[in-house]
Amino acid sequence: MSTTYDQLVEILARLHDAPADRISPEATFAELDVDSLTTVEIGIRIERDLGVTVGDDELRPDLSLGALAGLVDARQAAV
């Protein structure tokens, strides 16, 4: 997986107490029990730490961490 994925896992670990054995590229926010407030905080951290904006409407419960990493990578490449 990409460095972006590793950074997202780190952000998630800081903001949400998800068990490490449940975190994978295929894991969705819903599967990790990430609530809406934490989702907003993740979006803020992505913007601050990774330099791209991901809208709250894009951070859906069915979004996997791998798909989010791909989205962030694509936005970083476009900058």
N, C-alpha and C. Protein backbone atom coordinates (compact mmCIF):
# COMPACT_ATOMS: atom_id res chain seq x y z
N MET A 1 0.84 -1.18 0.00
CA MET A 1 0.00 0.00 0.00
C MET A 1 0.89 1.24 0.00
N SER A 2 0.29 2.37 -0.24
CA SER A 2 1.04 3.62 -0.41
C SER A 2 1.40 4.26 0.93
N THR A 3 2.32 5.20 0.84
CA THR A 3 2.65 6.00 2.00
C THR A 3 1.42 6.75 2.50
N THR A 4 0.57 7.17 1.56
CA THR A 4 -0.66 7.87 1.94
C THR A 4 -1.52 6.98 2.81
N TYR A 5 -1.64 5.71 2.44
CA TYR A 5 -2.42 4.77 3.24
C TYR A 5 -1.85 4.73 4.66
N ASP A 6 -0.54 4.61 4.79
CA ASP A 6 0.10 4.56 6.12
C ASP A 6 -0.20 5.83 6.91
N GLN A 7 -0.18 6.97 6.24
CA GLN A 7 -0.49 8.24 6.91
C GLN A 7 -1.95 8.27 7.36
N LEU A 8 -2.84 7.72 6.54
CA LEU A 8 -4.26 7.68 6.91
C LEU A 8 -4.48 6.76 8.11
N VAL A 9 -3.77 5.65 8.15
CA VAL A 9 -3.87 4.74 9.30
C VAL A 9 -3.40 5.46 10.56
N GLU A 10 -2.32 6.22 10.43
CA GLU A 10 -1.81 6.97 11.58
C GLU A 10 -2.83 8.02 12.05
N ILE A 11 -3.43 8.73 11.11
CA ILE A 11 -4.47 9.72 11.46
C ILE A 11 -5.63 9.02 12.15
N LEU A 12 -6.07 7.90 11.60
CA LEU A 12 -7.18 7.16 12.18
C LEU A 12 -6.84 6.67 13.58
N ALA A 13 -5.63 6.18 13.76
CA ALA A 13 -5.22 5.68 15.07
C ALA A 13 -5.19 6.79 16.11
N ARG A 14 -4.81 8.00 15.71
CA ARG A 14 -4.76 9.12 16.65
C ARG A 14 -6.16 9.58 17.05
N LEU A 15 -7.11 9.49 16.11
CA LEU A 15 -8.44 10.04 16.35
C LEU A 15 -9.48 9.02 16.80
N HIS A 16 -9.22 7.75 16.54
CA HIS A 16 -10.24 6.73 16.77
C HIS A 16 -9.57 5.47 17.29
N ASP A 17 -10.16 4.87 18.28
CA ASP A 17 -9.57 3.70 18.93
C ASP A 17 -10.00 2.41 18.22
N ALA A 18 -9.72 2.32 16.93
CA ALA A 18 -10.06 1.12 16.17
C ALA A 18 -9.01 0.04 16.44
N PRO A 19 -9.44 -1.19 16.66
CA PRO A 19 -8.47 -2.27 16.87
C PRO A 19 -7.59 -2.44 15.63
N ALA A 20 -6.29 -2.57 15.85
CA ALA A 20 -5.34 -2.66 14.74
C ALA A 20 -5.64 -3.83 13.82
N ASP A 21 -6.18 -4.91 14.36
CA ASP A 21 -6.45 -6.08 13.52
C ASP A 21 -7.63 -5.87 12.58
N ARG A 22 -8.40 -4.80 12.78
CA ARG A 22 -9.53 -4.49 11.90
C ARG A 22 -9.17 -3.46 10.85
N ILE A 23 -8.03 -2.82 10.98
CA ILE A 23 -7.61 -1.80 10.02
C ILE A 23 -6.93 -2.48 8.84
N SER A 24 -7.49 -2.26 7.67
CA SER A 24 -6.93 -2.81 6.43
C SER A 24 -7.38 -1.89 5.29
N PRO A 25 -6.76 -2.02 4.12
CA PRO A 25 -7.19 -1.19 2.99
C PRO A 25 -8.65 -1.38 2.62
N GLU A 26 -9.19 -2.57 2.88
CA GLU A 26 -10.58 -2.86 2.54
C GLU A 26 -11.57 -2.40 3.60
N ALA A 27 -11.09 -2.07 4.78
CA ALA A 27 -11.97 -1.68 5.89
C ALA A 27 -12.64 -0.34 5.58
N THR A 28 -13.94 -0.28 5.83
CA THR A 28 -14.68 0.96 5.64
C THR A 28 -14.82 1.68 6.97
N PHE A 29 -15.19 2.95 6.89
CA PHE A 29 -15.44 3.71 8.12
C PHE A 29 -16.53 3.03 8.94
N ALA A 30 -17.55 2.51 8.29
CA ALA A 30 -18.65 1.84 8.99
C ALA A 30 -18.13 0.60 9.72
N GLU A 31 -17.30 -0.19 9.06
CA GLU A 31 -16.76 -1.40 9.68
C GLU A 31 -15.86 -1.07 10.87
N LEU A 32 -15.25 0.10 10.84
CA LEU A 32 -14.37 0.53 11.93
C LEU A 32 -15.12 1.34 12.99
N ASP A 33 -16.44 1.46 12.82
CA ASP A 33 -17.29 2.20 13.76
C ASP A 33 -16.86 3.65 13.93
N VAL A 34 -16.46 4.29 12.83
CA VAL A 34 -16.07 5.70 12.85
C VAL A 34 -17.35 6.54 12.79
N ASP A 35 -17.55 7.38 13.80
CA ASP A 35 -18.76 8.21 13.83
C ASP A 35 -18.58 9.47 13.01
N SER A 36 -19.65 10.22 12.86
CA SER A 36 -19.64 11.40 11.98
C SER A 36 -18.68 12.48 12.48
N LEU A 37 -18.58 12.68 13.77
CA LEU A 37 -17.66 13.69 14.31
C LEU A 37 -16.21 13.31 13.99
N THR A 38 -15.88 12.06 14.17
CA THR A 38 -14.52 11.60 13.88
C THR A 38 -14.24 11.71 12.38
N THR A 39 -15.24 11.46 11.56
CA THR A 39 -15.09 11.59 10.11
C THR A 39 -14.72 13.03 9.74
N VAL A 40 -15.39 13.99 10.36
CA VAL A 40 -15.07 15.40 10.11
C VAL A 40 -13.64 15.70 10.55
N GLU A 41 -13.25 15.18 11.71
CA GLU A 41 -11.89 15.40 12.20
C GLU A 41 -10.86 14.78 11.26
N ILE A 42 -11.18 13.61 10.70
CA ILE A 42 -10.28 12.97 9.74
C ILE A 42 -10.10 13.87 8.52
N GLY A 43 -11.19 14.43 8.03
CA GLY A 43 -11.11 15.35 6.89
C GLY A 43 -10.22 16.55 7.19
N ILE A 44 -10.34 17.08 8.39
CA ILE A 44 -9.51 18.23 8.79
C ILE A 44 -8.04 17.83 8.84
N ARG A 45 -7.75 16.66 9.38
CA ARG A 45 -6.36 16.19 9.47
C ARG A 45 -5.78 15.91 8.08
N ILE A 46 -6.60 15.36 7.19
CA ILE A 46 -6.12 15.10 5.83
C ILE A 46 -5.72 16.42 5.18
N GLU A 47 -6.55 17.44 5.35
CA GLU A 47 -6.23 18.74 4.76
C GLU A 47 -4.97 19.32 5.37
N ARG A 48 -4.86 19.25 6.68
CA ARG A 48 -3.70 19.82 7.37
C ARG A 48 -2.42 19.02 7.10
N ASP A 49 -2.50 17.70 7.22
CA ASP A 49 -1.29 16.87 7.14
C ASP A 49 -0.91 16.48 5.72
N LEU A 50 -1.90 16.32 4.84
CA LEU A 50 -1.62 15.82 3.50
C LEU A 50 -1.83 16.86 2.41
N GLY A 51 -2.39 18.01 2.77
CA GLY A 51 -2.46 19.14 1.85
C GLY A 51 -3.55 19.08 0.80
N VAL A 52 -4.53 18.22 0.98
CA VAL A 52 -5.66 18.17 0.03
C VAL A 52 -6.97 18.18 0.80
N THR A 53 -8.00 18.62 0.12
CA THR A 53 -9.32 18.68 0.73
C THR A 53 -10.15 17.49 0.28
N VAL A 54 -10.74 16.81 1.25
CA VAL A 54 -11.70 15.75 0.99
C VAL A 54 -12.97 16.17 1.71
N GLY A 55 -14.04 16.38 0.96
CA GLY A 55 -15.28 16.88 1.53
C GLY A 55 -15.94 15.88 2.46
N ASP A 56 -16.68 16.41 3.42
CA ASP A 56 -17.42 15.56 4.35
C ASP A 56 -18.34 14.60 3.61
N ASP A 57 -18.91 15.06 2.49
CA ASP A 57 -19.81 14.21 1.72
C ASP A 57 -19.07 13.06 1.03
N GLU A 58 -17.75 13.19 0.87
CA GLU A 58 -16.96 12.12 0.27
C GLU A 58 -16.52 11.08 1.30
N LEU A 59 -16.47 11.49 2.54
CA LEU A 59 -16.04 10.58 3.61
C LEU A 59 -17.25 9.81 4.13
N ARG A 60 -17.80 8.99 3.26
CA ARG A 60 -19.01 8.22 3.54
C ARG A 60 -18.67 6.98 4.39
N PRO A 61 -19.66 6.45 5.09
CA PRO A 61 -19.42 5.24 5.88
C PRO A 61 -18.94 4.05 5.06
N ASP A 62 -19.33 3.98 3.77
CA ASP A 62 -18.93 2.84 2.95
C ASP A 62 -17.59 3.03 2.24
N LEU A 63 -16.90 4.14 2.51
CA LEU A 63 -15.60 4.42 1.90
C LEU A 63 -14.52 3.60 2.59
N SER A 64 -13.75 2.87 1.80
CA SER A 64 -12.66 2.07 2.39
C SER A 64 -11.41 2.94 2.54
N LEU A 65 -10.53 2.50 3.41
CA LEU A 65 -9.28 3.24 3.61
C LEU A 65 -8.43 3.23 2.35
N GLY A 66 -8.45 2.12 1.63
CA GLY A 66 -7.70 2.05 0.38
C GLY A 66 -8.24 3.01 -0.67
N ALA A 67 -9.56 3.10 -0.76
CA ALA A 67 -10.17 4.03 -1.71
C ALA A 67 -9.88 5.47 -1.31
N LEU A 68 -9.89 5.75 -0.02
CA LEU A 68 -9.57 7.10 0.45
C LEU A 68 -8.11 7.43 0.11
N ALA A 69 -7.21 6.48 0.30
CA ALA A 69 -5.80 6.70 -0.05
C ALA A 69 -5.66 7.01 -1.54
N GLY A 70 -6.40 6.28 -2.37
CA GLY A 70 -6.37 6.54 -3.81
C GLY A 70 -6.89 7.92 -4.15
N LEU A 71 -7.96 8.34 -3.48
CA LEU A 71 -8.53 9.67 -3.69
C LEU A 71 -7.53 10.76 -3.31
N VAL A 72 -6.91 10.60 -2.15
CA VAL A 72 -5.91 11.58 -1.69
C VAL A 72 -4.73 11.62 -2.64
N ASP A 73 -4.24 10.45 -3.06
CA ASP A 73 -3.11 10.40 -4.00
C ASP A 73 -3.45 11.13 -5.30
N ALA A 74 -4.65 10.91 -5.81
CA ALA A 74 -5.07 11.56 -7.06
C ALA A 74 -5.14 13.07 -6.90
N ARG A 75 -5.63 13.52 -5.76
CA ARG A 75 -5.71 14.97 -5.53
C ARG A 75 -4.33 15.57 -5.36
N GLN A 76 -3.43 14.86 -4.71
CA GLN A 76 -2.07 15.37 -4.55
C GLN A 76 -1.36 15.45 -5.89
N ALA A 77 -1.60 14.50 -6.77
CA ALA A 77 -0.98 14.49 -8.08
C ALA A 77 -1.49 15.63 -8.95
N ALA A 78 -2.73 16.04 -8.70
CA ALA A 78 -3.34 17.10 -9.50
C ALA A 78 -2.88 18.50 -9.08
N VAL A 79 -2.25 18.59 -7.93
CA VAL A 79 -1.81 19.90 -7.43
C VAL A 79 -0.53 20.32 -8.09
